């Protein structure tokens, strides 16, 4: 399974306007009278929002959902997230909706519903992609059709919260990714992943997600 291009449900800007083929993205094209055009980051998918639309989290979600519905219609293969979650339970990330309207700092300004939607969608998508790799010998490059879940159902007994710690298997202090690669190389019989490989990042995200709520306790044996 291949991770699709970054969707990022955030609009480019609340007042961003539609661009035509003869105009750069920054050139505004007015929407209908009394409305603004809200654009997805693909610079193509748009919805019109009335100027008098209440600035509430509920309305913000409607806008994001409308954009998402259009995008999914044009990209039906993006249902891989729902399919993977149906096949393998993936713990959802923290709900940050309580931060809407609050300022994180003078640099970032107030948190919008679109901000929260992006955080939730992209973070969860990373963990779900990790699940798809974790459960696939092919994705792991296994020579013997072994996948991580065959020894660790739903990432059980991986204890990511205990890293870094000394691992006798390696003879040194190991990070979580070091043990992931050891498992890929030996029981899985696959090829080790570079630290910044999208699959490695996704595997770490999935394993950590499955232990959500467990206190950090590095070095624990």
Protein backbone atom coordinates (compact mmCIF):
# COMPACT_ATOMS: atom_id res chain seq x y z
CA UNK A 1 0.00 0.00 0.00
CA UNK A 2 1.40 3.38 -0.97
CA UNK A 3 0.74 6.50 1.02
CA UNK A 4 -1.13 9.05 -1.14
CA UNK A 5 0.07 12.64 -1.61
CA UNK A 6 -0.33 14.93 1.35
CA UNK A 7 -3.95 16.04 1.49
CA UNK A 8 -3.84 18.54 4.35
CA UNK A 9 -7.43 19.59 4.73
CA UNK A 10 -6.50 23.12 5.70
CA UNK A 11 -7.47 25.88 3.34
CA UNK A 12 -4.64 28.02 1.97
CA UNK A 13 -6.33 30.99 3.59
CA UNK A 14 -9.87 31.76 4.58
CA UNK A 15 -10.05 34.53 1.99
CA UNK A 16 -8.14 32.61 -0.71
CA UNK A 17 -9.84 32.76 -4.11
CA UNK A 18 -10.09 30.35 -7.04
CA UNK A 19 -7.32 30.52 -9.67
CA UNK A 20 -7.87 30.03 -13.39
CA UNK A 21 -5.45 28.55 -15.90
CA UNK A 22 -4.42 32.06 -16.97
CA UNK A 23 -3.80 33.36 -13.47
CA UNK A 24 -1.32 32.48 -10.73
CA UNK A 25 -2.81 31.06 -7.50
CA UNK A 26 -2.50 34.44 -5.81
CA UNK A 27 -4.69 36.24 -8.37
CA UNK A 28 -8.17 36.53 -6.87
CA UNK A 29 -11.31 35.59 -8.73
CA UNK A 30 -14.36 36.81 -6.84
CA UNK A 31 -16.93 34.33 -5.63
CA UNK A 32 -20.64 35.00 -5.69
CA UNK A 33 -21.80 38.25 -4.12
CA UNK A 34 -21.59 37.99 -0.34
CA UNK A 35 -19.45 34.86 -0.39
CA UNK A 36 -15.80 33.88 -0.18
CA UNK A 37 -14.13 30.98 -1.95
CA UNK A 38 -12.26 28.60 0.36
CA UNK A 39 -9.57 26.56 -1.33
CA UNK A 40 -7.94 23.23 -0.51
CA UNK A 41 -4.15 23.03 -0.63
CA UNK A 42 -4.32 21.22 -3.98
CA UNK A 43 -5.16 24.68 -5.38
CA UNK A 44 -8.14 23.19 -7.26
CA UNK A 45 -10.81 22.01 -4.86
CA UNK A 46 -12.99 24.87 -3.59
CA UNK A 47 -16.23 25.64 -1.80
CA UNK A 48 -18.08 28.92 -1.52
CA UNK A 49 -18.88 30.13 1.98
CA UNK A 50 -21.32 32.90 2.71
CA UNK A 51 -19.80 35.93 4.43
CA UNK A 52 -22.38 35.67 7.21
CA UNK A 53 -21.48 32.05 8.03
CA UNK A 54 -20.98 31.78 11.82
CA UNK A 55 -17.32 31.36 12.84
CA UNK A 56 -17.85 28.23 14.90
CA UNK A 57 -16.11 24.88 15.09
CA UNK A 58 -19.23 23.18 13.73
CA UNK A 59 -19.30 25.41 10.65
CA UNK A 60 -15.57 24.99 10.17
CA UNK A 61 -16.02 21.22 10.18
CA UNK A 62 -18.76 21.50 7.55
CA UNK A 63 -16.39 23.45 5.30
CA UNK A 64 -13.59 20.93 5.80
CA UNK A 65 -15.97 18.01 5.22
CA UNK A 66 -17.27 19.59 2.00
CA UNK A 67 -13.73 20.01 0.72
CA UNK A 68 -12.87 16.46 1.74
CA UNK A 69 -15.94 15.03 0.02
CA UNK A 70 -14.99 16.71 -3.25
CA UNK A 71 -11.38 15.57 -2.99
CA UNK A 72 -12.35 11.96 -2.22
CA UNK A 73 -14.74 11.88 -5.17
CA UNK A 74 -11.84 12.78 -7.46
CA UNK A 75 -9.45 10.42 -5.64
CA UNK A 76 -11.39 7.23 -4.78
CA UNK A 77 -8.15 5.40 -3.95
CA UNK A 78 -7.82 7.61 -0.85
CA UNK A 79 -10.19 5.24 0.99
CA UNK A 80 -7.15 3.22 1.98
CA UNK A 81 -7.25 4.87 5.41
CA UNK A 82 -10.78 3.66 6.14
CA UNK A 83 -9.98 0.21 4.74
CA UNK A 84 -6.86 -0.15 6.91
CA UNK A 85 -8.66 1.02 10.07
CA UNK A 86 -11.45 -1.47 9.38
CA UNK A 87 -8.93 -4.28 9.03
CA UNK A 88 -6.67 -3.30 11.94
CA UNK A 89 -7.63 -1.11 14.88
CA UNK A 90 -5.50 2.03 15.06
CA UNK A 91 -5.72 4.25 18.14
CA UNK A 92 -6.76 7.81 17.31
CA UNK A 93 -4.62 10.83 18.28
CA UNK A 94 -5.47 13.35 20.98
CA UNK A 95 -8.52 15.55 20.37
CA UNK A 96 -7.22 19.13 20.16
CA UNK A 97 -10.58 20.80 19.51
CA UNK A 98 -10.43 22.42 22.95
CA UNK A 99 -7.64 24.64 21.60
CA UNK A 100 -9.81 26.24 18.91
CA UNK A 101 -9.88 30.00 19.33
CA UNK A 102 -6.93 30.04 21.69
CA UNK A 103 -3.55 31.51 20.82
CA UNK A 104 -0.51 29.24 20.94
CA UNK A 105 1.85 32.19 20.77
CA UNK A 106 2.36 35.47 19.00
CA UNK A 107 4.00 33.49 16.21
CA UNK A 108 1.18 31.06 15.45
CA UNK A 109 -1.86 33.10 16.39
CA UNK A 110 -5.25 31.63 17.24
CA UNK A 111 -5.98 27.99 16.51
CA UNK A 112 -8.67 27.51 13.87
CA UNK A 113 -10.96 24.54 13.20
CA UNK A 114 -8.95 23.94 10.02
CA UNK A 115 -5.74 23.75 12.08
CA UNK A 116 -7.22 21.06 14.30
CA UNK A 117 -8.58 19.15 11.31
CA UNK A 118 -5.15 19.09 9.67
CA UNK A 119 -3.40 18.00 12.87
CA UNK A 120 -5.86 15.17 13.42
CA UNK A 121 -6.06 13.99 9.81
CA UNK A 122 -2.37 14.03 8.99
CA UNK A 123 -1.24 12.54 12.32
CA UNK A 124 -3.78 9.73 12.14
CA UNK A 125 -2.95 9.06 8.49
CA UNK A 126 0.71 8.60 9.42
CA UNK A 127 -0.18 6.04 12.11
CA UNK A 128 -2.57 4.23 9.79
CA UNK A 129 0.10 4.05 7.09
CA UNK A 130 2.39 2.55 9.72
CA UNK A 131 -0.27 -0.07 10.43
CA UNK A 132 -0.39 -1.01 6.76
CA UNK A 133 3.39 -1.50 6.71
CA UNK A 134 3.40 -3.32 10.08
CA UNK A 135 0.87 -5.86 8.78
CA UNK A 136 2.46 -6.49 5.39
CA UNK A 137 5.42 -8.69 4.63
CA UNK A 138 5.50 -7.23 1.14
CA UNK A 139 5.76 -3.64 2.44
CA UNK A 140 8.58 -4.77 4.73
CA UNK A 141 10.40 -6.51 1.87
CA UNK A 142 10.22 -9.88 3.65
CA UNK A 143 11.82 -12.80 1.83
CA UNK A 144 9.70 -15.28 3.80
CA UNK A 145 6.29 -13.51 3.94
CA UNK A 146 6.65 -12.60 7.63
CA UNK A 147 5.19 -9.33 8.94
CA UNK A 148 5.62 -7.55 12.27
CA UNK A 149 2.13 -8.39 13.52
CA UNK A 150 2.85 -12.12 13.42
CA UNK A 151 4.92 -11.67 16.58
CA UNK A 152 3.32 -8.44 17.80
CA UNK A 153 -0.46 -8.38 17.18
CA UNK A 154 -1.59 -4.72 17.20
CA UNK A 155 1.98 -3.76 18.15
CA UNK A 156 1.76 -5.71 21.43
CA UNK A 157 4.92 -6.11 23.54
CA UNK A 158 6.84 -3.44 21.63
CA UNK A 159 6.98 -1.02 24.60
CA UNK A 160 8.07 2.12 22.70
CA UNK A 161 7.76 4.13 25.92
CA UNK A 162 10.82 2.34 27.35
CA UNK A 163 13.26 3.58 24.69
CA UNK A 164 16.06 4.54 24.61
CA UNK A 165 17.43 1.64 26.62
CA UNK A 166 20.35 -0.78 26.61
CA UNK A 167 19.56 -3.74 24.39
CA UNK A 168 21.74 -6.84 24.94
CA UNK A 169 20.69 -8.01 21.48
CA UNK A 170 22.52 -5.04 19.96
CA UNK A 171 25.12 -4.60 22.69
CA UNK A 172 24.39 -0.88 23.00
CA UNK A 173 21.75 1.67 23.87
CA UNK A 174 19.03 1.45 21.24
CA UNK A 175 16.31 3.75 19.98
CA UNK A 176 12.94 2.35 18.95
CA UNK A 177 13.93 2.55 15.28
CA UNK A 178 17.05 0.46 15.99
CA UNK A 179 14.90 -2.40 17.28
CA UNK A 180 12.44 -2.00 14.41
CA UNK A 181 15.33 -2.46 11.98
CA UNK A 182 16.70 -5.41 13.94
CA UNK A 183 13.32 -7.13 13.66
CA UNK A 184 13.04 -6.29 9.97
CA UNK A 185 16.50 -7.69 9.30
CA UNK A 186 16.17 -10.89 11.32
CA UNK A 187 12.72 -12.44 11.96
CA UNK A 188 11.13 -10.59 9.03
CA UNK A 189 14.12 -11.13 6.73
CA UNK A 190 13.61 -7.79 5.02
CA UNK A 191 15.80 -4.80 4.23
CA UNK A 192 16.61 -2.28 6.97
CA UNK A 193 15.10 1.18 6.61
CA UNK A 194 16.88 4.53 6.73
CA UNK A 195 15.93 6.70 9.74
CA UNK A 196 14.03 9.16 7.53
CA UNK A 197 12.40 6.53 5.32
CA UNK A 198 8.61 7.18 5.21
CA UNK A 199 8.01 3.57 6.23
CA UNK A 200 10.24 3.87 9.29
CA UNK A 201 8.57 7.10 10.35
CA UNK A 202 5.16 5.52 9.86
CA UNK A 203 6.09 2.36 11.77
CA UNK A 204 7.26 4.45 14.73
CA UNK A 205 4.04 6.48 14.57
CA UNK A 206 1.87 3.36 14.58
CA UNK A 207 3.73 1.64 17.40
CA UNK A 208 3.62 4.79 19.54
CA UNK A 209 -0.05 5.35 18.73
CA UNK A 210 -0.95 1.89 19.99
CA UNK A 211 0.57 2.73 23.37
CA UNK A 212 -1.21 6.06 23.74
CA UNK A 213 -1.66 7.03 27.38
CA UNK A 214 1.22 4.90 28.72
CA UNK A 215 3.73 6.95 30.70
CA UNK A 216 7.22 7.40 29.34
CA UNK A 217 9.74 5.30 31.26
CA UNK A 218 12.94 5.19 29.22
CA UNK A 219 15.49 2.58 30.15
CA UNK A 220 12.90 0.23 31.67
CA UNK A 221 13.57 -3.46 31.23
